[in-house]
Amino acid sequence: MRKGIYLYDCYLDNNNDVIANNRWRSKFRKFAFFISICLATTFVCVSLGGCSLASFGYIKSNFLFNDGYSSISSSSNFNTVNVTITDFNSHFLKTSQIQGLNYYKDDQIYNFFYEKIKLKKIQSQLINKNEFEDWLQAQKSNSLERLLFNVMDKNLNGHENLLNKNEKIIEGAIVASQSTQDPNYFFQWIRDSAIVINTVTDNIFDEKNYNITLVGTFLKYLNISYNLQRTDNLSGGSVPDGDLKGLGEPKWNVDNSPYNDNWGRPQNDGPPLRIIAILNFYSRLSIFNDANNSNVTVHDLIKEYNMKYTKLETNFTSETDIFNEIIYYDLKFIINNWKERNFDIWEEVNGIHFFTSLMQLTSIKMTLNYMKTSGSFTTTGKLKPMYDSLIDTYEKMYKFILLDSGFIINNDSKHHIVETPEILSYRSGLDIATIIASLLSHSTDNEFLDNSLPFDVDDSSILNSLYYLINEMSQLYPVNLNRKSMNMGVALGRYPEDVYDGYKKSEGNPWFLATSSASELIYQLIIKIKTLKQDILIPLATESKNNNDHDIFWTLIFDNIAHIDTKESNIKNGNSYQLLLPYNSRSFNQTLENLFKYGDSFLDCVREHSSEEGNLSEQFNKYTGFLQGAQDLTWSYNSFLSACQSRDKVINMMSFK
């Protein structure tokens, strides 16, 4: 007979006497020991050709349950007690049996937690819901059109006349903005271009068809990448005979000539982001072929494009060519330079950065998975040395990121990611770049990404980073005052200490790409939780058990789950308490719906500050909310589209909208 507390809407597992029967107690202990060995093995191993890595406590306790009702075993002195709520809208108590196990009622403990823990009332938008949905659809179409307008392609948006008149613009160049003065962003950045072409790729394929015009846009991007790799510049030598350090050059003129003025160089995130973009295209093509029982190749796509448009001269004709001529050299650059100091995503700080490191790790992981699954070549021929070197680099980089980098703040007061540890003496380390890094390195629909990469969207350090950014910037930016008071998403900027106003140094402002990234992270969190098909488990911080805010993100979604004062109850001093929401229960789905509303509220913030015509600049003023900085920033539209794509996936998975 098993002892515990069961209530219709909330039940507690009392570990003081979890299993009274000695025979079952013995079996349980053997099972627990077996599970602990499995977890420990997982903890120190990465499933990659025998790599063995300690991952600094990176196995999460969330979602690890036996029968869904019992809590995980704890120490002999104190227990971990699951506070299981199945419906936040009901309050009926009854004694019952579940799976043949007896539970008993404890009204005082139940009522204490049930009355404390509530879903926040989140307002998802400031306008009528139907009006918001109409705006979303219009803005998605508008954003894709404006994004493509910043891609110099004769077959897009009437650029043929522009390109014919201006020989200094190379077809395929992706400009950061059409703005040419105050500020001048009419350049191509390796990082921005790779991130944008990733989104273009997401729009090429659907279930039954592909857009051959956008295929051509991708091929022209590859042409430019090939040529830029082979151009010496101020960062260093080029492919194939130079030192390859030139691949770290961040910014180029639109005629493919080097930008030779002073700049924050090198920036080592460009090559890995280019690899990620190319392999994302391969993954999309593979998924399309599987869904349609077809065998469309890169060679076929080039041929089809040339039949429809003027012949496109390329330096490659197949996946293998692209790997050997572009990806290969980007990989060599990463292998040789991943430990080297370089400038950050905002081109301001020289050091070692979380964003860059995670992009490098992701690109290597995706490449290894691609090399193992691709039929274009094997890992036993001339590429075997590269394959072995990638495995070795991946293991060293993984260990560095988790153990030696200082990327994780984990103390009694805070737990979040630090973008650049070297500057912690005068900056908080909080940076929207950490959120963007998590989004770019994790996807549920990319064949070459898997769950072994750290810092997924459900990682507490990532979620807490978003929490602290929201907390800081809701106070930094006066435009957020009303939204914060209504439990809505707020306008976010790059980092709290920012002083770039879009033109010069003065005061930092909110950025559209940062605000959209917050919504995307929340949508991706819903997708991850729903895909796992497991219970949600959230530690509760009580006065009887010290908690260092490791899961403080959830205070944005729930009321009263942090620093719960237990003095008024008879809760055992020293116990740990966890909120458990059973998979697919009412409380589980109510929580996901609350998350969805919260994600929508960030997009509503984008709506509030975009122009009536749907323009998204780089920034919007922290006082007035009006557009500021570079006009029609390509990355602003890109982040909005990425967020909307994730939102559409959530709607397809869930019953709410």
Foldseek 3Di string as FASTA:
>chain_A
DAEFADWPFKTKGDPLGGDPDPVVVVVVVVVLVVVVVVVVQVQQDDPFPTQGHHQQPQDDPWQDDDPQHHDDADDNVFGEMETEGQALVDDGTDFDDDPNDGYHHDPQVNVQVSVFKHWDDFFQFPDDPVVLVVVLVVLLVVLVLLLVVQQQACVHDNNVVVCVVDVLAQHLARWQFPDCPLNHRRWGFLQVSLLLLLLLLVQQDDQAHGDLSSVVSVQSNLQLLLVLQCAAAPQWHHPDPTPSSSQQCTIDHRSSHRDHDDFFDRHLQRLLSNLLSVLQNVQRVVVNCVSVVHDQFQLNSLVVSVVVDPRDDHPDRGPVSSCVRRNVSSLVCCLVDLQPWGADPVRDDTAHFPLSLLSSLLSLQLVLLCQPPDPPDHCPPPCVVVNVSSVVSNSVSSNCSRPPQPQWDDDLADTAGAGGVVPVVPFVSQFLSLLVSQVSRDDPRGSRHDDSRPDHLPQLRNLRSLVVQQVLVCVVFPVNVVNVVNLAGGFGCTGNVAQDPQNDGHRHFGFLLSLLSVLLSLLVVLVVVLVVQGKGKAWAAEPLARDNCSNVSCCSTMGRRYHHYCPVGPPDRPYTYMHIHGGPRNVNVVSSVSSNSRSSRSVSLVVVLADPSNWGAGGAHSHPSYHHHRTRRSSSSSSNNSSVVSSVVSVVSDVDD
